[in-house]
Amino acid sequence: NFSIGNLSTQSKNLISTFSTRLTYAIAKHWQLPTEIINAIANQTKVKSARLCESEINTIISNTKIRFEPGKVIINDDNLTVIKSIADVLRTCPEAKFEIQGHTDSSGSEELNQNLSQSRAEAVLFELLNRRVLTSGISAKGYGSISPIADNKTEEGREINRRIEIKLLVETTKDTNKVNKKD
């Protein structure tokens, strides 16, 4: 006999979250009154896309997702950061984000482009492994075109090997119009 009581706490939480999010999506789709949608949103702790972006930026600024030269491997420190980001992303299921991979200037432009794309995809894959709905999240590699530090020093190159997560669009609650972020 199947019993919810036999499931792990993690499985129970996942079922509860999925059930509440499905209810929220149905309520929005059927354009139920705002107070009902807001009550469901409060129950699921749905946040605005901009608040989620701010929280993600805070996490990344405190502990960056960085990579060794020429590598795509996500180390244990990065997994802790990705878990924190996943927790935030689950609270803003309708937001559209882009995971941006960046490299230092070592190597060819083509190599850096491919490496940065692979790194961004590795982060996306890890978010998926943490049960984040990734349909609104894309991964894009930017190579070495956007350095934030001097590529002439090892410290600068390390800083430039990074992941950023940017909000692509935000849907306003009142008008349901999509505003592109600059």
N, C-alpha and C. Protein backbone atom coordinates (compact mmCIF):
# COMPACT_ATOMS: atom_id res chain seq x y z
N ASN A 1 0.83 -1.18 0.00
CA ASN A 1 0.00 0.00 0.00
C ASN A 1 0.88 1.25 0.00
N PHE A 2 0.49 2.20 -0.82
CA PHE A 2 1.22 3.46 -0.89
C PHE A 2 0.70 4.40 0.19
N SER A 3 1.63 5.07 0.84
CA SER A 3 1.26 6.03 1.87
C SER A 3 2.21 7.22 1.79
N ILE A 4 1.65 8.43 1.84
CA ILE A 4 2.47 9.63 1.85
C ILE A 4 3.42 9.58 3.05
N GLY A 5 2.98 9.00 4.14
CA GLY A 5 3.80 8.90 5.34
C GLY A 5 5.09 8.14 5.13
N ASN A 6 5.14 7.27 4.12
CA ASN A 6 6.34 6.50 3.84
C ASN A 6 7.37 7.26 3.03
N LEU A 7 7.01 8.43 2.51
CA LEU A 7 7.93 9.21 1.69
C LEU A 7 8.92 9.99 2.56
N SER A 8 10.05 10.31 1.96
CA SER A 8 11.03 11.13 2.67
C SER A 8 10.50 12.56 2.81
N THR A 9 11.08 13.29 3.73
CA THR A 9 10.69 14.69 3.92
C THR A 9 10.91 15.49 2.65
N GLN A 10 12.02 15.22 1.96
CA GLN A 10 12.31 15.92 0.71
C GLN A 10 11.22 15.65 -0.34
N SER A 11 10.79 14.38 -0.45
CA SER A 11 9.74 14.03 -1.40
C SER A 11 8.42 14.70 -1.03
N LYS A 12 8.09 14.71 0.26
CA LYS A 12 6.85 15.37 0.70
C LYS A 12 6.89 16.86 0.37
N ASN A 13 8.03 17.52 0.62
CA ASN A 13 8.16 18.95 0.31
C ASN A 13 8.03 19.19 -1.18
N LEU A 14 8.62 18.33 -1.99
CA LEU A 14 8.54 18.47 -3.44
C LEU A 14 7.09 18.34 -3.92
N ILE A 15 6.37 17.36 -3.40
CA ILE A 15 4.96 17.17 -3.77
C ILE A 15 4.14 18.38 -3.36
N SER A 16 4.37 18.87 -2.15
CA SER A 16 3.64 20.04 -1.66
C SER A 16 3.91 21.27 -2.52
N THR A 17 5.19 21.50 -2.84
CA THR A 17 5.57 22.65 -3.66
C THR A 17 4.95 22.54 -5.04
N PHE A 18 5.03 21.36 -5.64
CA PHE A 18 4.48 21.15 -6.98
C PHE A 18 2.97 21.38 -6.97
N SER A 19 2.29 20.84 -5.98
CA SER A 19 0.84 20.99 -5.89
C SER A 19 0.44 22.45 -5.77
N THR A 20 1.13 23.20 -4.91
CA THR A 20 0.80 24.61 -4.71
C THR A 20 1.12 25.42 -5.97
N ARG A 21 2.26 25.12 -6.62
CA ARG A 21 2.62 25.85 -7.84
C ARG A 21 1.64 25.56 -8.97
N LEU A 22 1.18 24.31 -9.05
CA LEU A 22 0.20 23.95 -10.07
C LEU A 22 -1.09 24.73 -9.82
N THR A 23 -1.51 24.80 -8.57
CA THR A 23 -2.70 25.56 -8.22
C THR A 23 -2.53 27.03 -8.61
N TYR A 24 -1.36 27.58 -8.32
CA TYR A 24 -1.05 28.98 -8.66
C TYR A 24 -1.12 29.19 -10.18
N ALA A 25 -0.53 28.29 -10.95
CA ALA A 25 -0.54 28.41 -12.41
C ALA A 25 -1.96 28.32 -12.96
N ILE A 26 -2.75 27.43 -12.43
CA ILE A 26 -4.14 27.28 -12.88
C ILE A 26 -4.93 28.54 -12.54
N ALA A 27 -4.74 29.06 -11.34
CA ALA A 27 -5.45 30.28 -10.93
C ALA A 27 -5.12 31.44 -11.85
N LYS A 28 -3.84 31.60 -12.21
CA LYS A 28 -3.45 32.67 -13.13
C LYS A 28 -4.01 32.44 -14.52
N HIS A 29 -3.94 31.18 -14.99
CA HIS A 29 -4.43 30.86 -16.33
C HIS A 29 -5.93 31.18 -16.46
N TRP A 30 -6.69 30.82 -15.46
CA TRP A 30 -8.13 31.04 -15.49
C TRP A 30 -8.51 32.44 -15.02
N GLN A 31 -7.52 33.29 -14.79
CA GLN A 31 -7.72 34.68 -14.42
C GLN A 31 -8.67 34.82 -13.23
N LEU A 32 -8.39 34.04 -12.21
CA LEU A 32 -9.16 34.14 -10.98
C LEU A 32 -8.89 35.49 -10.33
N PRO A 33 -9.74 35.89 -9.41
CA PRO A 33 -9.55 37.19 -8.76
C PRO A 33 -8.15 37.33 -8.15
N THR A 34 -7.65 38.54 -8.19
CA THR A 34 -6.30 38.84 -7.71
C THR A 34 -6.08 38.38 -6.29
N GLU A 35 -7.10 38.53 -5.43
CA GLU A 35 -6.91 38.14 -4.03
C GLU A 35 -6.66 36.63 -3.88
N ILE A 36 -7.27 35.84 -4.76
CA ILE A 36 -7.04 34.39 -4.71
C ILE A 36 -5.63 34.08 -5.20
N ILE A 37 -5.23 34.70 -6.30
CA ILE A 37 -3.88 34.48 -6.84
C ILE A 37 -2.84 34.92 -5.82
N ASN A 38 -3.06 36.08 -5.18
CA ASN A 38 -2.11 36.57 -4.17
C ASN A 38 -2.04 35.64 -2.97
N ALA A 39 -3.18 35.08 -2.57
CA ALA A 39 -3.18 34.15 -1.43
C ALA A 39 -2.36 32.91 -1.77
N ILE A 40 -2.53 32.40 -2.99
CA ILE A 40 -1.75 31.23 -3.41
C ILE A 40 -0.28 31.61 -3.51
N ALA A 41 0.00 32.78 -4.08
CA ALA A 41 1.40 33.23 -4.21
C ALA A 41 2.06 33.35 -2.84
N ASN A 42 1.32 33.88 -1.86
CA ASN A 42 1.87 34.00 -0.51
C ASN A 42 2.13 32.64 0.11
N GLN A 43 1.26 31.68 -0.21
CA GLN A 43 1.44 30.33 0.32
C GLN A 43 2.71 29.69 -0.25
N THR A 44 3.00 29.96 -1.53
CA THR A 44 4.18 29.36 -2.16
C THR A 44 5.40 30.26 -2.04
N LYS A 45 5.23 31.41 -1.41
CA LYS A 45 6.33 32.35 -1.24
C LYS A 45 6.90 32.78 -2.60
N VAL A 46 6.02 33.10 -3.54
CA VAL A 46 6.44 33.57 -4.85
C VAL A 46 6.94 35.00 -4.71
N LYS A 47 8.12 35.26 -5.27
CA LYS A 47 8.73 36.58 -5.19
C LYS A 47 8.73 37.24 -6.56
N SER A 48 8.94 38.54 -6.57
CA SER A 48 9.08 39.24 -7.84
C SER A 48 10.39 38.83 -8.49
N ALA A 49 10.43 38.93 -9.80
CA ALA A 49 11.63 38.56 -10.55
C ALA A 49 12.82 39.43 -10.14
N ARG A 50 12.58 40.71 -9.94
CA ARG A 50 13.68 41.62 -9.56
C ARG A 50 14.23 41.28 -8.17
N LEU A 51 13.34 40.90 -7.24
CA LEU A 51 13.80 40.50 -5.92
C LEU A 51 14.65 39.23 -6.02
N CYS A 52 14.21 38.28 -6.84
CA CYS A 52 14.99 37.06 -7.04
C CYS A 52 16.36 37.39 -7.63
N GLU A 53 16.38 38.27 -8.63
CA GLU A 53 17.66 38.66 -9.23
C GLU A 53 18.57 39.29 -8.20
N SER A 54 18.02 40.15 -7.36
CA SER A 54 18.81 40.80 -6.32
C SER A 54 19.38 39.77 -5.34
N GLU A 55 18.56 38.80 -4.94
CA GLU A 55 19.02 37.77 -4.00
C GLU A 55 20.11 36.91 -4.64
N ILE A 56 19.94 36.57 -5.92
CA ILE A 56 20.95 35.78 -6.63
C ILE A 56 22.25 36.56 -6.74
N ASN A 57 22.16 37.84 -7.08
CA ASN A 57 23.37 38.67 -7.17
C ASN A 57 24.10 38.75 -5.83
N THR A 58 23.35 38.81 -4.74
CA THR A 58 23.95 38.83 -3.42
C THR A 58 24.69 37.52 -3.15
N ILE A 59 24.06 36.42 -3.48
CA ILE A 59 24.70 35.11 -3.29
C ILE A 59 25.99 35.03 -4.09
N ILE A 60 25.91 35.41 -5.37
CA ILE A 60 27.08 35.31 -6.25
C ILE A 60 28.17 36.30 -5.84
N SER A 61 27.79 37.47 -5.35
CA SER A 61 28.83 38.43 -4.94
C SER A 61 29.54 37.98 -3.68
N ASN A 62 28.83 37.22 -2.82
CA ASN A 62 29.45 36.71 -1.60
C ASN A 62 30.35 35.50 -1.88
N THR A 63 29.93 34.64 -2.78
CA THR A 63 30.69 33.44 -3.14
C THR A 63 30.50 33.20 -4.63
N LYS A 64 31.46 33.60 -5.40
CA LYS A 64 31.36 33.51 -6.85
C LYS A 64 31.42 32.07 -7.33
N ILE A 65 30.79 31.82 -8.47
CA ILE A 65 30.94 30.54 -9.16
C ILE A 65 32.11 30.74 -10.11
N ARG A 66 33.22 30.08 -9.80
CA ARG A 66 34.42 30.24 -10.61
C ARG A 66 34.90 28.89 -11.09
N PHE A 67 35.74 28.92 -12.10
CA PHE A 67 36.25 27.70 -12.70
C PHE A 67 37.77 27.78 -12.83
N GLU A 68 38.39 26.62 -12.80
CA GLU A 68 39.82 26.52 -13.07
C GLU A 68 40.04 26.78 -14.56
N PRO A 69 41.23 27.23 -14.94
CA PRO A 69 41.50 27.50 -16.36
C PRO A 69 41.21 26.27 -17.23
N GLY A 70 40.45 26.47 -18.28
CA GLY A 70 40.16 25.41 -19.25
C GLY A 70 39.23 24.33 -18.75
N LYS A 71 38.62 24.49 -17.59
CA LYS A 71 37.78 23.44 -16.99
C LYS A 71 36.31 23.84 -16.93
N VAL A 72 35.47 22.80 -16.91
CA VAL A 72 34.03 22.99 -16.80
C VAL A 72 33.51 22.37 -15.50
N ILE A 73 34.37 21.73 -14.77
CA ILE A 73 33.97 20.98 -13.57
C ILE A 73 33.45 21.93 -12.49
N ILE A 74 32.31 21.56 -11.93
CA ILE A 74 31.73 22.32 -10.83
C ILE A 74 32.19 21.67 -9.53
N ASN A 75 32.97 22.40 -8.75
CA ASN A 75 33.51 21.83 -7.50
C ASN A 75 32.49 21.94 -6.37
N ASP A 76 32.83 21.35 -5.22
CA ASP A 76 31.91 21.32 -4.09
C ASP A 76 31.52 22.71 -3.60
N ASP A 77 32.47 23.65 -3.60
CA ASP A 77 32.14 25.02 -3.19
C ASP A 77 31.08 25.62 -4.11
N ASN A 78 31.24 25.37 -5.42
CA ASN A 78 30.26 25.87 -6.39
C ASN A 78 28.89 25.22 -6.19
N LEU A 79 28.87 23.95 -5.81
CA LEU A 79 27.59 23.26 -5.59
C LEU A 79 26.81 23.90 -4.44
N THR A 80 27.51 24.35 -3.41
CA THR A 80 26.85 25.04 -2.31
C THR A 80 26.21 26.34 -2.79
N VAL A 81 26.92 27.08 -3.62
CA VAL A 81 26.39 28.32 -4.18
C VAL A 81 25.18 28.02 -5.06
N ILE A 82 25.31 27.00 -5.90
CA ILE A 82 24.22 26.65 -6.82
C ILE A 82 22.98 26.20 -6.04
N LYS A 83 23.17 25.50 -4.93
CA LYS A 83 22.03 25.11 -4.09
C LYS A 83 21.32 26.35 -3.56
N SER A 84 22.08 27.34 -3.12
CA SER A 84 21.47 28.58 -2.62
C SER A 84 20.71 29.30 -3.74
N ILE A 85 21.29 29.33 -4.93
CA ILE A 85 20.63 29.96 -6.08
C ILE A 85 19.36 29.19 -6.43
N ALA A 86 19.42 27.87 -6.39
CA ALA A 86 18.25 27.03 -6.69
C ALA A 86 17.11 27.35 -5.72
N ASP A 87 17.44 27.52 -4.45
CA ASP A 87 16.42 27.84 -3.45
C ASP A 87 15.71 29.15 -3.81
N VAL A 88 16.46 30.13 -4.30
CA VAL A 88 15.86 31.41 -4.70
C VAL A 88 15.02 31.23 -5.97
N LEU A 89 15.56 30.53 -6.96
CA LEU A 89 14.85 30.38 -8.23
C LEU A 89 13.51 29.66 -8.07
N ARG A 90 13.41 28.79 -7.10
CA ARG A 90 12.13 28.09 -6.87
C ARG A 90 11.05 29.06 -6.39
N THR A 91 11.43 30.23 -5.89
CA THR A 91 10.44 31.20 -5.39
C THR A 91 10.00 32.19 -6.46
N CYS A 92 10.52 32.08 -7.66
CA CYS A 92 10.11 32.98 -8.75
C CYS A 92 9.98 32.16 -10.05
N PRO A 93 8.99 31.27 -10.08
CA PRO A 93 8.88 30.32 -11.19
C PRO A 93 8.58 30.94 -12.55
N GLU A 94 8.05 32.14 -12.57
CA GLU A 94 7.71 32.75 -13.87
C GLU A 94 8.82 33.63 -14.43
N ALA A 95 9.83 33.89 -13.66
CA ALA A 95 10.92 34.78 -14.10
C ALA A 95 11.77 34.11 -15.18
N LYS A 96 12.29 34.92 -16.08
CA LYS A 96 13.15 34.45 -17.16
C LYS A 96 14.57 34.93 -16.89
N PHE A 97 15.47 33.99 -16.75
CA PHE A 97 16.86 34.31 -16.45
C PHE A 97 17.79 33.74 -17.51
N GLU A 98 18.95 34.36 -17.62
CA GLU A 98 20.01 33.85 -18.48
C GLU A 98 21.23 33.59 -17.61
N ILE A 99 21.74 32.37 -17.68
CA ILE A 99 23.00 32.03 -17.02
C ILE A 99 24.09 32.39 -18.02
N GLN A 100 24.97 33.30 -17.63
CA GLN A 100 26.01 33.79 -18.53
C GLN A 100 27.37 33.27 -18.11
N GLY A 101 28.01 32.57 -19.05
CA GLY A 101 29.36 32.08 -18.80
C GLY A 101 30.38 33.05 -19.37
N HIS A 102 31.44 33.29 -18.61
CA HIS A 102 32.52 34.20 -19.03
C HIS A 102 33.86 33.52 -18.80
N THR A 103 34.83 33.85 -19.64
CA THR A 103 36.18 33.30 -19.50
C THR A 103 37.20 34.42 -19.40
N ASP A 104 38.44 34.04 -19.09
CA ASP A 104 39.52 35.01 -19.21
C ASP A 104 39.95 35.04 -20.68
N SER A 105 40.99 35.80 -20.98
CA SER A 105 41.38 35.96 -22.39
C SER A 105 42.42 34.94 -22.86
N SER A 106 42.77 33.98 -21.99
CA SER A 106 43.71 32.93 -22.41
C SER A 106 43.03 32.04 -23.44
N GLY A 107 43.75 31.66 -24.47
CA GLY A 107 43.18 30.78 -25.48
C GLY A 107 42.52 31.56 -26.60
N SER A 108 42.08 30.80 -27.60
CA SER A 108 41.47 31.41 -28.79
C SER A 108 40.05 31.88 -28.48
N GLU A 109 39.57 32.77 -29.31
CA GLU A 109 38.20 33.28 -29.15
C GLU A 109 37.19 32.15 -29.24
N GLU A 110 37.39 31.23 -30.19
CA GLU A 110 36.47 30.10 -30.37
C GLU A 110 36.49 29.18 -29.15
N LEU A 111 37.69 28.88 -28.65
CA LEU A 111 37.81 28.04 -27.46
C LEU A 111 37.10 28.68 -26.27
N ASN A 112 37.32 29.98 -26.06
CA ASN A 112 36.69 30.68 -24.94
C ASN A 112 35.17 30.71 -25.08
N GLN A 113 34.69 30.88 -26.30
CA GLN A 113 33.25 30.88 -26.53
C GLN A 113 32.66 29.52 -26.15
N ASN A 114 33.28 28.46 -26.64
CA ASN A 114 32.77 27.11 -26.34
C ASN A 114 32.88 26.78 -24.85
N LEU A 115 33.98 27.17 -24.24
CA LEU A 115 34.19 26.92 -22.82
C LEU A 115 33.16 27.66 -21.97
N SER A 116 32.93 28.92 -22.28
CA SER A 116 31.95 29.70 -21.51
C SER A 116 30.54 29.14 -21.68
N GLN A 117 30.21 28.67 -22.88
CA GLN A 117 28.90 28.05 -23.12
C GLN A 117 28.77 26.77 -22.30
N SER A 118 29.81 25.96 -22.29
CA SER A 118 29.78 24.71 -21.53
C SER A 118 29.64 24.98 -20.03
N ARG A 119 30.30 26.00 -19.54
CA ARG A 119 30.19 26.34 -18.12
C ARG A 119 28.78 26.80 -17.76
N ALA A 120 28.20 27.63 -18.60
CA ALA A 120 26.83 28.09 -18.35
C ALA A 120 25.86 26.90 -18.37
N GLU A 121 26.06 25.99 -19.31
CA GLU A 121 25.21 24.80 -19.39
C GLU A 121 25.41 23.89 -18.19
N ALA A 122 26.64 23.81 -17.68
CA ALA A 122 26.91 22.99 -16.49
C ALA A 122 26.13 23.52 -15.28
N VAL A 123 26.07 24.83 -15.15
CA VAL A 123 25.31 25.43 -14.05
C VAL A 123 23.81 25.15 -14.25
N LEU A 124 23.32 25.31 -15.47
CA LEU A 124 21.92 25.02 -15.76
C LEU A 124 21.59 23.56 -15.42
N PHE A 125 22.48 22.65 -15.79
CA PHE A 125 22.28 21.23 -15.50
C PHE A 125 22.22 20.99 -13.98
N GLU A 126 23.09 21.65 -13.23
CA GLU A 126 23.08 21.48 -11.77
C GLU A 126 21.79 22.05 -11.16
N LEU A 127 21.27 23.13 -11.72
CA LEU A 127 19.99 23.66 -11.23
C LEU A 127 18.87 22.67 -11.52
N LEU A 128 18.90 22.08 -12.69
CA LEU A 128 17.91 21.06 -13.05
C LEU A 128 18.01 19.87 -12.08
N ASN A 129 19.22 19.47 -11.73
CA ASN A 129 19.42 18.37 -10.77
C ASN A 129 18.85 18.71 -9.40
N ARG A 130 18.71 20.00 -9.11
CA ARG A 130 18.16 20.44 -7.83
C ARG A 130 16.67 20.77 -7.96
N ARG A 131 16.07 20.24 -8.99
CA ARG A 131 14.62 20.33 -9.22
C ARG A 131 14.11 21.76 -9.41
N VAL A 132 14.92 22.58 -10.05
CA VAL A 132 14.48 23.92 -10.42
C VAL A 132 13.81 23.81 -11.79
N LEU A 133 12.65 24.43 -11.94
CA LEU A 133 12.01 24.47 -13.25
C LEU A 133 12.85 25.36 -14.15
N THR A 134 13.44 24.78 -15.18
CA THR A 134 14.41 25.51 -16.00
C THR A 134 13.86 25.95 -17.35
N SER A 135 12.56 25.83 -17.56
CA SER A 135 12.00 26.22 -18.86
C SER A 135 12.17 27.71 -19.14
N GLY A 136 12.28 28.52 -18.10
CA GLY A 136 12.47 29.96 -18.27
C GLY A 136 13.92 30.40 -18.08
N ILE A 137 14.82 29.43 -18.06
CA ILE A 137 16.23 29.75 -17.83
C ILE A 137 17.05 29.28 -19.03
N SER A 138 17.85 30.18 -19.57
CA SER A 138 18.71 29.82 -20.70
C SER A 138 20.17 29.93 -20.27
N ALA A 139 21.03 29.30 -21.05
CA ALA A 139 22.47 29.34 -20.78
C ALA A 139 23.16 29.90 -22.01
N LYS A 140 24.05 30.87 -21.80
CA LYS A 140 24.74 31.48 -22.94
C LYS A 140 26.19 31.78 -22.55
N GLY A 141 27.08 31.41 -23.44
CA GLY A 141 28.49 31.70 -23.24
C GLY A 141 28.87 32.99 -23.94
N TYR A 142 29.63 33.82 -23.26
CA TYR A 142 30.07 35.10 -23.80
C TYR A 142 31.58 35.15 -24.05
N GLY A 143 32.25 34.03 -23.80
CA GLY A 143 33.69 34.02 -24.03
C GLY A 143 34.39 35.04 -23.16
N SER A 144 35.36 35.73 -23.76
CA SER A 144 36.17 36.69 -23.00
C SER A 144 35.83 38.14 -23.32
N ILE A 145 34.66 38.38 -23.93
CA ILE A 145 34.33 39.73 -24.41
C ILE A 145 33.93 40.72 -23.33
N SER A 146 33.65 40.23 -22.11
CA SER A 146 33.19 41.13 -21.04
C SER A 146 34.01 40.96 -19.77
N PRO A 147 35.30 41.28 -19.81
CA PRO A 147 36.10 41.13 -18.60
C PRO A 147 35.68 42.15 -17.54
N ILE A 148 35.81 41.75 -16.28
CA ILE A 148 35.53 42.67 -15.17
C ILE A 148 36.81 42.93 -14.38
N ALA A 149 37.90 42.32 -14.82
CA ALA A 149 39.20 42.52 -14.17
C ALA A 149 40.29 42.44 -15.24
N ASP A 150 41.49 42.79 -14.88
CA ASP A 150 42.62 42.82 -15.79
C ASP A 150 43.08 41.39 -16.11
N ASN A 151 43.07 41.03 -17.38
CA ASN A 151 43.50 39.70 -17.80
C ASN A 151 45.02 39.53 -17.79
N LYS A 152 45.76 40.58 -17.43
CA LYS A 152 47.23 40.50 -17.40
C LYS A 152 47.75 39.84 -16.13
N THR A 153 46.88 39.70 -15.12
CA THR A 153 47.31 39.09 -13.87
C THR A 153 46.52 37.80 -13.63
N GLU A 154 47.10 36.86 -12.89
CA GLU A 154 46.41 35.61 -12.57
C GLU A 154 45.14 35.90 -11.77
N GLU A 155 45.23 36.84 -10.83
CA GLU A 155 44.07 37.22 -10.04
C GLU A 155 42.94 37.75 -10.93
N GLY A 156 43.29 38.61 -11.88
CA GLY A 156 42.29 39.16 -12.80
C GLY A 156 41.68 38.08 -13.68
N ARG A 157 42.52 37.17 -14.17
CA ARG A 157 42.00 36.08 -15.01
C ARG A 157 41.04 35.19 -14.21
N GLU A 158 41.38 34.94 -12.95
CA GLU A 158 40.51 34.12 -12.10
C GLU A 158 39.15 34.81 -11.92
N ILE A 159 39.17 36.09 -11.71
CA ILE A 159 37.92 36.85 -11.54
C ILE A 159 37.08 36.81 -12.82
N ASN A 160 37.74 36.85 -13.97
CA ASN A 160 37.01 36.85 -15.24
C ASN A 160 36.40 35.49 -15.60
N ARG A 161 36.91 34.41 -15.02
CA ARG A 161 36.32 33.08 -15.23
C ARG A 161 35.15 32.97 -14.26
N ARG A 162 33.96 33.29 -14.73
CA ARG A 162 32.83 33.44 -13.81
C ARG A 162 31.51 33.09 -14.48
N ILE A 163 30.50 32.99 -13.63
CA ILE A 163 29.11 32.83 -14.05
C ILE A 163 28.33 34.00 -13.48
N GLU A 164 27.47 34.57 -14.31
CA GLU A 164 26.52 35.58 -13.86
C GLU A 164 25.13 35.10 -14.22
N ILE A 165 24.14 35.51 -13.45
CA ILE A 165 22.75 35.15 -13.75
C ILE A 165 21.98 36.45 -13.84
N LYS A 166 21.42 36.71 -15.01
CA LYS A 166 20.75 37.98 -15.28
C LYS A 166 19.27 37.77 -15.59
N LEU A 167 18.47 38.68 -15.09
CA LEU A 167 17.04 38.69 -15.39
C LEU A 167 16.87 39.16 -16.83
N LEU A 168 16.10 38.40 -17.61
CA LEU A 168 15.87 38.79 -19.01
C LEU A 168 14.64 39.66 -19.15
N VAL A 169 13.53 39.24 -18.57
CA VAL A 169 12.28 40.00 -18.67
C VAL A 169 11.56 39.92 -17.33
N GLU A 170 10.70 40.88 -17.10
CA GLU A 170 9.88 40.85 -15.91
C GLU A 170 8.44 41.14 -16.31
N THR A 171 7.52 40.32 -15.82
CA THR A 171 6.10 40.53 -16.07
C THR A 171 5.55 41.34 -14.91
N THR A 172 4.96 42.49 -15.22
CA THR A 172 4.38 43.29 -14.14
C THR A 172 3.06 42.65 -13.71
N LYS A 173 2.77 42.72 -12.43
CA LYS A 173 1.59 42.05 -11.89
C LYS A 173 0.29 42.68 -12.37
N ASP A 174 0.29 44.01 -12.52
CA ASP A 174 -0.98 44.68 -12.81
C ASP A 174 -1.36 44.61 -14.28
N THR A 175 -0.40 44.74 -15.16
CA THR A 175 -0.75 44.86 -16.57
C THR A 175 -0.41 43.62 -17.40
N ASN A 176 0.38 42.70 -16.82
CA ASN A 176 0.83 41.50 -17.52
C ASN A 176 1.60 41.83 -18.79
N LYS A 177 2.17 43.02 -18.86
CA LYS A 177 3.04 43.37 -19.98
C LYS A 177 4.44 42.92 -19.66
N VAL A 178 5.18 42.64 -20.69
CA VAL A 178 6.56 42.20 -20.49
C VAL A 178 7.46 43.39 -20.71
N ASN A 179 8.32 43.67 -19.73
CA ASN A 179 9.29 44.74 -19.84
C ASN A 179 10.66 44.14 -20.02
N LYS A 180 11.35 44.50 -21.08
CA LYS A 180 12.70 44.00 -21.28
C LYS A 180 13.65 44.80 -20.40
N LYS A 181 14.56 44.09 -19.77
CA LYS A 181 15.56 44.74 -18.92
C LYS A 181 16.72 45.17 -19.78
N ASP A 182 17.22 46.36 -19.52
CA ASP A 182 18.37 46.86 -20.28
C ASP A 182 19.63 46.20 -19.84
